[in-house]
C-alpha atoms as a PDB file:
ATOM      1  CA  MET A   1      91.217  83.737  73.049  1.00  0.00           C
ATOM      2  CA  HIS A   2      93.728  81.868  75.118  1.00  0.00           C
ATOM      3  CA  LEU A   3      93.563  84.061  78.239  1.00  0.00           C
ATOM      4  CA  VAL A   4      89.782  84.137  78.663  1.00  0.00           C
ATOM      5  CA  PRO A   5      88.711  82.032  81.665  1.00  0.00           C
ATOM      6  CA  GLU A   6      86.672  78.971  80.809  1.00  0.00           C
ATOM      7  CA  GLU A   7      83.506  80.337  82.436  1.00  0.00           C
ATOM      8  CA  ARG A   8      83.598  83.329  80.044  1.00  0.00           C
ATOM      9  CA  GLU A   9      84.572  81.561  76.817  1.00  0.00           C
ATOM     10  CA  HIS A  10      81.001  81.779  75.483  1.00  0.00           C
ATOM     11  CA  TRP A  11      80.865  85.578  75.917  1.00  0.00           C
ATOM     12  CA  ARG A  12      81.010  87.580  72.692  1.00  0.00           C
ATOM     13  CA  ALA A  13      84.196  89.481  71.894  1.00  0.00           C
ATOM     14  CA  ILE A  14      84.547  92.228  69.320  1.00  0.00           C
ATOM     15  CA  ASP A  15      88.361  92.360  69.288  1.00  0.00           C
ATOM     16  CA  GLU A  16      89.738  89.097  70.668  1.00  0.00           C
ATOM     17  CA  HIS A  17      93.342  90.298  70.671  1.00  0.00           C
ATOM     18  CA  THR A  18      92.379  93.381  72.670  1.00  0.00           C
ATOM     19  CA  VAL A  19      90.502  91.223  75.187  1.00  0.00           C
ATOM     20  CA  CYS A  20      93.614  89.105  75.752  1.00  0.00           C
ATOM     21  CA  ASP A  21      95.735  92.257  76.137  1.00  0.00           C
ATOM     22  CA  ALA A  22      93.241  93.590  78.707  1.00  0.00           C
ATOM     23  CA  ILE A  23      93.245  90.310  80.655  1.00  0.00           C
ATOM     24  CA  ASP A  24      97.038  90.282  80.597  1.00  0.00           C
ATOM     25  CA  ALA A  25      97.111  93.873  81.886  1.00  0.00           C
ATOM     26  CA  ILE A  26      94.865  92.972  84.830  1.00  0.00           C
ATOM     27  CA  GLY A  27      97.166  90.137  85.824  1.00  0.00           C
ATOM     28  CA  ASP A  28      96.908  88.320  89.127  1.00  0.00           C
ATOM     29  CA  PRO A  29      93.642  89.065  90.998  1.00  0.00           C
ATOM     30  CA  GLU A  30      95.523  89.060  94.327  1.00  0.00           C
ATOM     31  CA  ARG A  31      97.825  91.806  92.995  1.00  0.00           C
ATOM     32  CA  VAL A  32      94.780  93.834  91.936  1.00  0.00           C
ATOM     33  CA  HIS A  33      93.291  93.408  95.427  1.00  0.00           C
ATOM     34  CA  ALA A  34      96.573  94.481  97.070  1.00  0.00           C
ATOM     35  CA  TRP A  35      96.729  97.644  94.960  1.00  0.00           C
ATOM     36  CA  ALA A  36      93.056  98.422  95.635  1.00  0.00           C
ATOM     37  CA  SER A  37      93.790  98.153  99.360  1.00  0.00           C
ATOM     38  CA  ARG A  38      96.730 100.559  99.004  1.00  0.00           C
ATOM     39  CA  PHE A  39      94.590 103.044  97.120  1.00  0.00           C
ATOM     40  CA  ALA A  40      91.901 102.761  99.823  1.00  0.00           C
ATOM     41  CA  LEU A  41      94.517 103.739 102.411  1.00  0.00           C
ATOM     42  CA  LEU A  42      95.494 106.734 100.279  1.00  0.00           C
ATOM     43  CA  GLY A  43      91.876 107.652  99.538  1.00  0.00           C
ATOM     44  CA  GLU A  44      91.162 109.295 102.895  1.00  0.00           C
ATOM     45  CA  PRO A  45      92.644 112.820 103.123  1.00  0.00           C
ATOM     46  CA  GLY A  46      93.790 112.482 106.744  1.00  0.00           C
ATOM     47  CA  ARG A  47      95.651 109.228 106.109  1.00  0.00           C
ATOM     48  CA  LEU A  48      97.144 110.662 102.928  1.00  0.00           C
ATOM     49  CA  ALA A  49      98.394 113.697 104.891  1.00  0.00           C
ATOM     50  CA  LEU A  50      99.909 111.377 107.498  1.00  0.00           C
ATOM     51  CA  LEU A  51     101.592 109.247 104.834  1.00  0.00           C
ATOM     52  CA  LEU A  52     102.976 112.313 103.055  1.00  0.00           C
ATOM     53  CA  SER A  53     104.357 113.589 106.370  1.00  0.00           C
ATOM     54  CA  LEU A  54     105.904 110.205 107.176  1.00  0.00           C
ATOM     55  CA  HIS A  55     107.322 109.935 103.682  1.00  0.00           C
ATOM     56  CA  ARG A  56     109.013 113.336 103.691  1.00  0.00           C
ATOM     57  CA  ALA A  57     109.901 113.786 107.361  1.00  0.00           C
ATOM     58  CA  GLY A  58     111.039 110.271 108.237  1.00  0.00           C
ATOM     59  CA  PRO A  59     110.459 108.755 111.655  1.00  0.00           C
ATOM     60  CA  ILE A  60     108.130 111.047 113.582  1.00  0.00           C
ATOM     61  CA  ALA A  61     106.155 110.879 116.835  1.00  0.00           C
ATOM     62  CA  VAL A  62     102.357 110.874 117.044  1.00  0.00           C
ATOM     63  CA  SER A  63     102.150 114.297 118.672  1.00  0.00           C
ATOM     64  CA  ASP A  64     104.423 115.777 115.998  1.00  0.00           C
ATOM     65  CA  LEU A  65     102.276 114.189 113.268  1.00  0.00           C
ATOM     66  CA  ALA A  66      99.199 115.671 114.917  1.00  0.00           C
ATOM     67  CA  LEU A  67     100.818 119.109 115.002  1.00  0.00           C
ATOM     68  CA  ALA A  68     101.988 118.842 111.376  1.00  0.00           C
ATOM     69  CA  THR A  69      98.665 117.625 109.976  1.00  0.00           C
ATOM     70  CA  GLY A  70      96.187 119.376 112.266  1.00  0.00           C
ATOM     71  CA  ILE A  71      94.621 116.023 113.159  1.00  0.00           C
ATOM     72  CA  ARG A  72      93.957 115.224 116.839  1.00  0.00           C
ATOM     73  CA  ASP A  73      96.395 112.847 118.547  1.00  0.00           C
ATOM     74  CA  SER A  74      93.701 110.201 119.057  1.00  0.00           C
ATOM     75  CA  ALA A  75      92.733 110.252 115.366  1.00  0.00           C
ATOM     76  CA  VAL A  76      96.411 110.074 114.353  1.00  0.00           C
ATOM     77  CA  SER A  77      96.885 107.063 116.630  1.00  0.00           C
ATOM     78  CA  GLN A  78      93.812 105.370 115.185  1.00  0.00           C
ATOM     79  CA  ALA A  79      94.992 105.953 111.601  1.00  0.00           C
ATOM     80  CA  LEU A  80      98.482 104.710 112.470  1.00  0.00           C
ATOM     81  CA  ARG A  81      97.001 101.496 113.897  1.00  0.00           C
ATOM     82  CA  LEU A  82      95.304 100.879 110.556  1.00  0.00           C
ATOM     83  CA  LEU A  83      98.471 101.750 108.618  1.00  0.00           C
ATOM     84  CA  ARG A  84     100.549  99.436 110.847  1.00  0.00           C
ATOM     85  CA  ALA A  85      98.072  96.583 110.415  1.00  0.00           C
ATOM     86  CA  SER A  86      98.327  96.976 106.634  1.00  0.00           C
ATOM     87  CA  GLY A  87     102.128  96.871 106.756  1.00  0.00           C
ATOM     88  CA  THR A  88     102.416 100.402 105.396  1.00  0.00           C
ATOM     89  CA  VAL A  89     104.120 101.935 108.432  1.00  0.00           C
ATOM     90  CA  ALA A  90     106.219 100.607 111.297  1.00  0.00           C
ATOM     91  CA  ALA A  91     106.809 101.870 114.818  1.00  0.00           C
ATOM     92  CA  GLU A  92     110.232 102.359 116.383  1.00  0.00           C
ATOM     93  CA  LYS A  93     110.558 102.878 120.105  1.00  0.00           C
ATOM     94  CA  ASP A  94     113.114 105.480 121.197  1.00  0.00           C
ATOM     95  CA  GLY A  95     113.030 105.434 124.987  1.00  0.00           C
ATOM     96  CA  ARG A  96     109.485 106.473 125.877  1.00  0.00           C
ATOM     97  CA  ILE A  97     108.833 107.972 122.451  1.00  0.00           C
ATOM     98  CA  VAL A  98     107.406 105.909 119.596  1.00  0.00           C
ATOM     99  CA  ARG A  99     108.236 107.164 116.147  1.00  0.00           C
ATOM    100  CA  TYR A 100     106.558 105.973 112.972  1.00  0.00           C
ATOM    101  CA  ARG A 101     108.053 105.548 109.520  1.00  0.00           C
ATOM    102  CA  LEU A 102     106.782 104.537 106.109  1.00  0.00           C
ATOM    103  CA  VAL A 103     107.953 101.015 105.193  1.00  0.00           C
ATOM    104  CA  ASP A 104     105.918 100.098 102.094  1.00  0.00           C
ATOM    105  CA  PRO A 105     108.151 100.842  99.087  1.00  0.00           C
ATOM    106  CA  GLN A 106     105.235 100.804  96.658  1.00  0.00           C
ATOM    107  CA  VAL A 107     103.318 103.411  98.651  1.00  0.00           C
ATOM    108  CA  SER A 108     106.536 105.403  98.880  1.00  0.00           C
ATOM    109  CA  ALA A 109     106.895 105.316  95.092  1.00  0.00           C
ATOM    110  CA  LEU A 110     103.291 106.468  94.692  1.00  0.00           C
ATOM    111  CA  LEU A 111     103.885 109.359  97.075  1.00  0.00           C
ATOM    112  CA  ASP A 112     107.033 110.300  95.132  1.00  0.00           C
ATOM    113  CA  SER A 113     104.899 110.619  92.011  1.00  0.00           C
ATOM    114  CA  LEU A 114     102.650 113.208  93.689  1.00  0.00           C
ATOM    115  CA  GLY A 115     105.412 115.761  93.338  1.00  0.00           C
END
């Protein structure tokens, strides 16, 4: 079992080939962590609604996001801070108005799959 980490080599396997396939499917632990973080962002209904709005409507202001989603401006701003910190969205200043857009292509692809 060439892919089993040394600290687990003594563990019993029923189907060694399947174990190696499973380890290969998991891949890089950092990649798994990155995807888990993305799914955590999508796992809260308010943030998911914001991301869907950003994905479909393009750059949009906080007050317009609040109106579209039914979430208070302050809660939208708080969620957008989190989404900006994660690199999922970016802000663009247009005079006094700040508009937000989705910039993470992997989150965009996930949202596309929602139909």
